[in-house]
Amino acid sequence: MGQPHPTRLREVEAAPPLEAAKVIDARYKVVGRKRRALKMLWGALVAAFWAAAIGFLIPPAWIFLERVGEYFARN
């Protein structure tokens, strides 16, 4: 895939005088930090759960496969 063409910029003429500019007074609040942290914590807990589930299921599956192999080796 080719690289995109650069966007060429040029200078505009003088900016409008400061007296003509409108000032917007607003209050800002930081949002999303708690949800992001909870989402990361939940993801870590789910990953730990699946790692534990897989870790506990591997030994019984290994023993089962060994016994099946022994059964077919005898017959």
PDB file of N, CA and C in Angstrom:
ATOM      1  N   MET A   1       0.852  -1.165   0.000  1.00  0.00           N
ATOM      2  CA  MET A   1       0.000   0.000   0.000  1.00  0.00           C
ATOM      3  C   MET A   1       0.897   1.227   0.000  1.00  0.00           C
ATOM      4  N   GLY A   2       0.639   2.139  -0.914  1.00  0.00           N
ATOM      5  CA  GLY A   2       1.456   3.339  -1.024  1.00  0.00           C
ATOM      6  C   GLY A   2       1.203   4.311   0.107  1.00  0.00           C
ATOM      7  N   GLN A   3       2.159   5.168   0.287  1.00  0.00           N
ATOM      8  CA  GLN A   3       1.996   6.162   1.338  1.00  0.00           C
ATOM      9  C   GLN A   3       1.077   7.270   0.846  1.00  0.00           C
ATOM     10  N   PRO A   4       0.295   7.852   1.738  1.00  0.00           N
ATOM     11  CA  PRO A   4      -0.602   8.927   1.329  1.00  0.00           C
ATOM     12  C   PRO A   4       0.186  10.170   0.920  1.00  0.00           C
ATOM     13  N   HIS A   5      -0.417  10.939   0.061  1.00  0.00           N
ATOM     14  CA  HIS A   5       0.229  12.180  -0.369  1.00  0.00           C
ATOM     15  C   HIS A   5       0.188  13.192   0.770  1.00  0.00           C
ATOM     16  N   PRO A   6       1.235  13.973   0.915  1.00  0.00           N
ATOM     17  CA  PRO A   6       1.227  14.972   1.995  1.00  0.00           C
ATOM     18  C   PRO A   6       0.209  16.071   1.711  1.00  0.00           C
ATOM     19  N   THR A   7      -0.339  16.605   2.788  1.00  0.00           N
ATOM     20  CA  THR A   7      -1.267  17.718   2.666  1.00  0.00           C
ATOM     21  C   THR A   7      -0.457  19.001   2.717  1.00  0.00           C
ATOM     22  N   ARG A   8      -0.561  19.771   1.685  1.00  0.00           N
ATOM     23  CA  ARG A   8       0.209  21.013   1.641  1.00  0.00           C
ATOM     24  C   ARG A   8      -0.591  22.116   2.327  1.00  0.00           C
ATOM     25  N   LEU A   9       0.083  22.826   3.194  1.00  0.00           N
ATOM     26  CA  LEU A   9      -0.540  23.932   3.925  1.00  0.00           C
ATOM     27  C   LEU A   9       0.049  25.244   3.460  1.00  0.00           C
ATOM     28  N   ARG A  10      -0.735  26.278   3.576  1.00  0.00           N
ATOM     29  CA  ARG A  10      -0.201  27.599   3.261  1.00  0.00           C
ATOM     30  C   ARG A  10      -0.667  28.575   4.330  1.00  0.00           C
ATOM     31  N   GLU A  11       0.056  29.645   4.428  1.00  0.00           N
ATOM     32  CA  GLU A  11      -0.282  30.641   5.432  1.00  0.00           C
ATOM     33  C   GLU A  11      -1.521  31.399   5.018  1.00  0.00           C
ATOM     34  N   VAL A  12      -2.305  31.729   6.033  1.00  0.00           N
ATOM     35  CA  VAL A  12      -3.458  32.588   5.763  1.00  0.00           C
ATOM     36  C   VAL A  12      -3.027  34.021   6.030  1.00  0.00           C
ATOM     37  N   GLU A  13      -3.832  34.909   5.572  1.00  0.00           N
ATOM     38  CA  GLU A  13      -3.489  36.307   5.836  1.00  0.00           C
ATOM     39  C   GLU A  13      -3.631  36.570   7.324  1.00  0.00           C
ATOM     40  N   ALA A  14      -3.521  37.742   7.737  1.00  0.00           N
ATOM     41  CA  ALA A  14      -3.490  38.100   9.153  1.00  0.00           C
ATOM     42  C   ALA A  14      -4.715  37.560   9.889  1.00  0.00           C
ATOM     43  N   ALA A  15      -4.507  37.141  11.136  1.00  0.00           N
ATOM     44  CA  ALA A  15      -5.600  36.656  11.973  1.00  0.00           C
ATOM     45  C   ALA A  15      -6.496  37.828  12.354  1.00  0.00           C
ATOM     46  N   PRO A  16      -7.751  37.571  12.667  1.00  0.00           N
ATOM     47  CA  PRO A  16      -8.643  38.673  13.052  1.00  0.00           C
ATOM     48  C   PRO A  16      -8.164  39.326  14.347  1.00  0.00           C
ATOM     49  N   PRO A  17      -8.457  40.555  14.543  1.00  0.00           N
ATOM     50  CA  PRO A  17      -8.021  41.242  15.767  1.00  0.00           C
ATOM     51  C   PRO A  17      -8.652  40.598  17.004  1.00  0.00           C
ATOM     52  N   LEU A  18      -7.974  40.713  18.129  1.00  0.00           N
ATOM     53  CA  LEU A  18      -8.439  40.087  19.356  1.00  0.00           C
ATOM     54  C   LEU A  18      -9.788  40.623  19.821  1.00  0.00           C
ATOM     55  N   GLU A  19     -10.100  41.873  19.500  1.00  0.00           N
ATOM     56  CA  GLU A  19     -11.369  42.444  19.946  1.00  0.00           C
ATOM     57  C   GLU A  19     -12.544  41.728  19.283  1.00  0.00           C
ATOM     58  N   ALA A  20     -12.345  41.180  18.093  1.00  0.00           N
ATOM     59  CA  ALA A  20     -13.425  40.541  17.363  1.00  0.00           C
ATOM     60  C   ALA A  20     -13.614  39.090  17.791  1.00  0.00           C
ATOM     61  N   ALA A  21     -12.657  38.552  18.534  1.00  0.00           N
ATOM     62  CA  ALA A  21     -12.740  37.150  18.922  1.00  0.00           C
ATOM     63  C   ALA A  21     -13.744  36.973  20.053  1.00  0.00           C
ATOM     64  N   LYS A  22     -14.508  35.880  19.998  1.00  0.00           N
ATOM     65  CA  LYS A  22     -15.466  35.582  21.057  1.00  0.00           C
ATOM     66  C   LYS A  22     -14.784  34.677  22.067  1.00  0.00           C
ATOM     67  N   VAL A  23     -15.044  34.909  23.330  1.00  0.00           N
ATOM     68  CA  VAL A  23     -14.492  34.085  24.392  1.00  0.00           C
ATOM     69  C   VAL A  23     -15.599  33.161  24.876  1.00  0.00           C
ATOM     70  N   ILE A  24     -15.304  31.889  24.886  1.00  0.00           N
ATOM     71  CA  ILE A  24     -16.276  30.917  25.361  1.00  0.00           C
ATOM     72  C   ILE A  24     -15.811  30.442  26.725  1.00  0.00           C
ATOM     73  N   ASP A  25     -16.632  30.692  27.721  1.00  0.00           N
ATOM     74  CA  ASP A  25     -16.300  30.282  29.075  1.00  0.00           C
ATOM     75  C   ASP A  25     -16.970  28.933  29.328  1.00  0.00           C
ATOM     76  N   ALA A  26     -16.172  27.930  29.625  1.00  0.00           N
ATOM     77  CA  ALA A  26     -16.722  26.600  29.844  1.00  0.00           C
ATOM     78  C   ALA A  26     -15.945  25.901  30.946  1.00  0.00           C
ATOM     79  N   ARG A  27     -16.616  24.979  31.600  1.00  0.00           N
ATOM     80  CA  ARG A  27     -15.956  24.159  32.615  1.00  0.00           C
ATOM     81  C   ARG A  27     -15.714  22.785  32.009  1.00  0.00           C
ATOM     82  N   TYR A  28     -14.546  22.249  32.260  1.00  0.00           N
ATOM     83  CA  TYR A  28     -14.197  20.943  31.723  1.00  0.00           C
ATOM     84  C   TYR A  28     -14.015  19.965  32.867  1.00  0.00           C
ATOM     85  N   LYS A  29     -14.360  18.735  32.602  1.00  0.00           N
ATOM     86  CA  LYS A  29     -14.242  17.695  33.619  1.00  0.00           C
ATOM     87  C   LYS A  29     -13.611  16.469  32.959  1.00  0.00           C
ATOM     88  N   VAL A  30     -12.656  15.857  33.646  1.00  0.00           N
ATOM     89  CA  VAL A  30     -12.008  14.659  33.118  1.00  0.00           C
ATOM     90  C   VAL A  30     -12.970  13.492  33.320  1.00  0.00           C
ATOM     91  N   VAL A  31     -13.254  12.789  32.251  1.00  0.00           N
ATOM     92  CA  VAL A  31     -14.157  11.643  32.325  1.00  0.00           C
ATOM     93  C   VAL A  31     -13.468  10.415  31.759  1.00  0.00           C
ATOM     94  N   GLY A  32     -13.919   9.254  32.157  1.00  0.00           N
ATOM     95  CA  GLY A  32     -13.446   8.016  31.560  1.00  0.00           C
ATOM     96  C   GLY A  32     -12.322   7.318  32.278  1.00  0.00           C
ATOM     97  N   ARG A  33     -11.712   7.919  33.252  1.00  0.00           N
ATOM     98  CA  ARG A  33     -10.580   7.261  33.907  1.00  0.00           C
ATOM     99  C   ARG A  33     -11.033   6.078  34.750  1.00  0.00           C
ATOM    100  N   LYS A  34     -12.129   6.220  35.503  1.00  0.00           N
ATOM    101  CA  LYS A  34     -12.587   5.129  36.344  1.00  0.00           C
ATOM    102  C   LYS A  34     -13.019   3.947  35.493  1.00  0.00           C
ATOM    103  N   ARG A  35     -13.758   4.215  34.451  1.00  0.00           N
ATOM    104  CA  ARG A  35     -14.234   3.118  33.614  1.00  0.00           C
ATOM    105  C   ARG A  35     -13.062   2.396  32.960  1.00  0.00           C
ATOM    106  N   ARG A  36     -12.068   3.144  32.521  1.00  0.00           N
ATOM    107  CA  ARG A  36     -10.912   2.519  31.888  1.00  0.00           C
ATOM    108  C   ARG A  36     -10.177   1.632  32.889  1.00  0.00           C
ATOM    109  N   ALA A  37     -10.019   2.112  34.118  1.00  0.00           N
ATOM    110  CA  ALA A  37      -9.331   1.331  35.135  1.00  0.00           C
ATOM    111  C   ALA A  37     -10.135   0.084  35.484  1.00  0.00           C
ATOM    112  N   LEU A  38     -11.440   0.221  35.609  1.00  0.00           N
ATOM    113  CA  LEU A  38     -12.278  -0.937  35.915  1.00  0.00           C
ATOM    114  C   LEU A  38     -12.272  -1.936  34.762  1.00  0.00           C
ATOM    115  N   LYS A  39     -12.244  -1.421  33.547  1.00  0.00           N
ATOM    116  CA  LYS A  39     -12.204  -2.310  32.387  1.00  0.00           C
ATOM    117  C   LYS A  39     -10.889  -3.088  32.349  1.00  0.00           C
ATOM    118  N   MET A  40      -9.789  -2.424  32.669  1.00  0.00           N
ATOM    119  CA  MET A  40      -8.492  -3.100  32.696  1.00  0.00           C
ATOM    120  C   MET A  40      -8.454  -4.139  33.818  1.00  0.00           C
ATOM    121  N   LEU A  41      -9.003  -3.799  34.983  1.00  0.00           N
ATOM    122  CA  LEU A  41      -9.045  -4.736  36.104  1.00  0.00           C
ATOM    123  C   LEU A  41      -9.899  -5.946  35.747  1.00  0.00           C
ATOM    124  N   TRP A  42     -11.058  -5.712  35.145  1.00  0.00           N
ATOM    125  CA  TRP A  42     -11.940  -6.804  34.742  1.00  0.00           C
ATOM    126  C   TRP A  42     -11.240  -7.703  33.713  1.00  0.00           C
ATOM    127  N   GLY A  43     -10.559  -7.109  32.754  1.00  0.00           N
ATOM    128  CA  GLY A  43      -9.824  -7.892  31.761  1.00  0.00           C
ATOM    129  C   GLY A  43      -8.740  -8.743  32.398  1.00  0.00           C
ATOM    130  N   ALA A  44      -8.044  -8.193  33.384  1.00  0.00           N
ATOM    131  CA  ALA A  44      -7.004  -8.947  34.084  1.00  0.00           C
ATOM    132  C   ALA A  44      -7.613 -10.109  34.866  1.00  0.00           C
ATOM    133  N   LEU A  45      -8.766  -9.880  35.511  1.00  0.00           N
ATOM    134  CA  LEU A  45      -9.422 -10.951  36.255  1.00  0.00           C
ATOM    135  C   LEU A  45      -9.913 -12.060  35.331  1.00  0.00           C
ATOM    136  N   VAL A  46     -10.461 -11.688  34.193  1.00  0.00           N
ATOM    137  CA  VAL A  46     -10.930 -12.693  33.227  1.00  0.00           C
ATOM    138  C   VAL A  46      -9.747 -13.489  32.687  1.00  0.00           C
ATOM    139  N   ALA A  47      -8.654 -12.814  32.380  1.00  0.00           N
ATOM    140  CA  ALA A  47      -7.458 -13.505  31.885  1.00  0.00           C
ATOM    141  C   ALA A  47      -6.918 -14.462  32.945  1.00  0.00           C
ATOM    142  N   ALA A  48      -6.893 -14.038  34.205  1.00  0.00           N
ATOM    143  CA  ALA A  48      -6.411 -14.910  35.283  1.00  0.00           C
ATOM    144  C   ALA A  48      -7.340 -16.116  35.451  1.00  0.00           C
ATOM    145  N   PHE A  49      -8.641 -15.889  35.315  1.00  0.00           N
ATOM    146  CA  PHE A  49      -9.592 -17.003  35.412  1.00  0.00           C
ATOM    147  C   PHE A  49      -9.328 -18.043  34.330  1.00  0.00           C
ATOM    148  N   TRP A  50      -9.190 -17.586  33.087  1.00  0.00           N
ATOM    149  CA  TRP A  50      -8.976 -18.538  31.993  1.00  0.00           C
ATOM    150  C   TRP A  50      -7.619 -19.221  32.107  1.00  0.00           C
ATOM    151  N   ALA A  51      -6.613 -18.507  32.573  1.00  0.00           N
ATOM    152  CA  ALA A  51      -5.303 -19.138  32.770  1.00  0.00           C
ATOM    153  C   ALA A  51      -5.391 -20.227  33.841  1.00  0.00           C
ATOM    154  N   ALA A  52      -6.123 -19.949  34.930  1.00  0.00           N
ATOM    155  CA  ALA A  52      -6.282 -20.950  35.986  1.00  0.00           C
ATOM    156  C   ALA A  52      -7.108 -22.130  35.479  1.00  0.00           C
ATOM    157  N   ALA A  53      -8.177 -21.851  34.736  1.00  0.00           N
ATOM    158  CA  ALA A  53      -9.016 -22.938  34.216  1.00  0.00           C
ATOM    159  C   ALA A  53      -8.219 -23.837  33.285  1.00  0.00           C
ATOM    160  N   ILE A  54      -7.450 -23.242  32.407  1.00  0.00           N
ATOM    161  CA  ILE A  54      -6.628 -24.041  31.495  1.00  0.00           C
ATOM    162  C   ILE A  54      -5.569 -24.813  32.284  1.00  0.00           C
ATOM    163  N   GLY A  55      -4.950 -24.176  33.264  1.00  0.00           N
ATOM    164  CA  GLY A  55      -3.936 -24.836  34.076  1.00  0.00           C
ATOM    165  C   GLY A  55      -4.488 -26.018  34.859  1.00  0.00           C
ATOM    166  N   PHE A  56      -5.735 -25.907  35.350  1.00  0.00           N
ATOM    167  CA  PHE A  56      -6.333 -27.017  36.088  1.00  0.00           C
ATOM    168  C   PHE A  56      -6.849 -28.114  35.161  1.00  0.00           C
ATOM    169  N   LEU A  57      -7.139 -27.798  33.918  1.00  0.00           N
ATOM    170  CA  LEU A  57      -7.684 -28.804  33.002  1.00  0.00           C
ATOM    171  C   LEU A  57      -6.605 -29.581  32.246  1.00  0.00           C
ATOM    172  N   ILE A  58      -5.413 -29.045  32.156  1.00  0.00           N
ATOM    173  CA  ILE A  58      -4.363 -29.733  31.396  1.00  0.00           C
ATOM    174  C   ILE A  58      -3.957 -31.065  32.046  1.00  0.00           C
ATOM    175  N   PRO A  59      -3.675 -31.143  33.352  1.00  0.00           N
ATOM    176  CA  PRO A  59      -3.267 -32.441  33.924  1.00  0.00           C
ATOM    177  C   PRO A  59      -4.314 -33.552  33.755  1.00  0.00           C
ATOM    178  N   PRO A  60      -5.616 -33.315  34.038  1.00  0.00           N
ATOM    179  CA  PRO A  60      -6.578 -34.398  33.814  1.00  0.00           C
ATOM    180  C   PRO A  60      -6.666 -34.805  32.344  1.00  0.00           C
ATOM    181  N   ALA A  61      -6.568 -33.840  31.452  1.00  0.00           N
ATOM    182  CA  ALA A  61      -6.615 -34.168  30.024  1.00  0.00           C
ATOM    183  C   ALA A  61      -5.386 -34.987  29.645  1.00  0.00           C
ATOM    184  N   TRP A  62      -4.243 -34.660  30.200  1.00  0.00           N
ATOM    185  CA  TRP A  62      -3.006 -35.393  29.911  1.00  0.00           C
ATOM    186  C   TRP A  62      -3.137 -36.847  30.377  1.00  0.00           C
ATOM    187  N   ILE A  63      -3.643 -37.035  31.593  1.00  0.00           N
ATOM    188  CA  ILE A  63      -3.827 -38.390  32.129  1.00  0.00           C
ATOM    189  C   ILE A  63      -4.825 -39.160  31.279  1.00  0.00           C
ATOM    190  N   PHE A  64      -5.922 -38.516  30.889  1.00  0.00           N
ATOM    191  CA  PHE A  64      -6.919 -39.169  30.044  1.00  0.00           C
ATOM    192  C   PHE A  64      -6.299 -39.627  28.721  1.00  0.00           C
ATOM    193  N   LEU A  65      -5.517 -38.758  28.108  1.00  0.00           N
ATOM    194  CA  LEU A  65      -4.896 -39.125  26.833  1.00  0.00           C
ATOM    195  C   LEU A  65      -3.873 -40.250  27.009  1.00  0.00           C
ATOM    196  N   GLU A  66      -3.154 -40.257  28.120  1.00  0.00           N
ATOM    197  CA  GLU A  66      -2.217 -41.351  28.374  1.00  0.00           C
ATOM    198  C   GLU A  66      -2.953 -42.678  28.524  1.00  0.00           C
ATOM    199  N   ARG A  67      -4.074 -42.651  29.256  1.00  0.00           N
ATOM    200  CA  ARG A  67      -4.837 -43.891  29.454  1.00  0.00           C
ATOM    201  C   ARG A  67      -5.456 -44.370  28.146  1.00  0.00           C
ATOM    202  N   VAL A  68      -5.948 -43.449  27.344  1.00  0.00           N
ATOM    203  CA  VAL A  68      -6.501 -43.839  26.043  1.00  0.00           C
ATOM    204  C   VAL A  68      -5.394 -44.427  25.177  1.00  0.00           C
ATOM    205  N   GLY A  69      -4.227 -43.838  25.201  1.00  0.00           N
ATOM    206  CA  GLY A  69      -3.093 -44.355  24.443  1.00  0.00           C
ATOM    207  C   GLY A  69      -2.682 -45.739  24.910  1.00  0.00           C
ATOM    208  N   GLU A  70      -2.663 -45.960  26.256  1.00  0.00           N
ATOM    209  CA  GLU A  70      -2.333 -47.278  26.790  1.00  0.00           C
ATOM    210  C   GLU A  70      -3.376 -48.320  26.386  1.00  0.00           C
ATOM    211  N   TYR A  71      -4.636 -47.907  26.391  1.00  0.00           N
ATOM    212  CA  TYR A  71      -5.712 -48.813  26.019  1.00  0.00           C
ATOM    213  C   TYR A  71      -5.551 -49.278  24.570  1.00  0.00           C
ATOM    214  N   PHE A  72      -5.290 -48.334  23.675  1.00  0.00           N
ATOM    215  CA  PHE A  72      -5.137 -48.684  22.265  1.00  0.00           C
ATOM    216  C   PHE A  72      -3.806 -49.406  21.996  1.00  0.00           C
ATOM    217  N   ALA A  73      -2.825 -49.189  22.825  1.00  0.00           N
ATOM    218  CA  ALA A  73      -1.543 -49.880  22.655  1.00  0.00           C
ATOM    219  C   ALA A  73      -1.680 -51.359  23.038  1.00  0.00           C
ATOM    220  N   ARG A  74      -2.521 -51.640  24.046  1.00  0.00           N
ATOM    221  CA  ARG A  74      -2.729 -53.027  24.465  1.00  0.00           C
ATOM    222  C   ARG A  74      -3.569 -53.793  23.443  1.00  0.00           C
ATOM    223  N   ASN A  75      -4.514 -53.139  22.805  1.00  0.00           N
ATOM    224  CA  ASN A  75      -5.437 -53.832  21.895  1.00  0.00           C
ATOM    225  C   ASN A  75      -4.969 -53.780  20.496  1.00  0.00           C
TER     226      ASN A  75
END
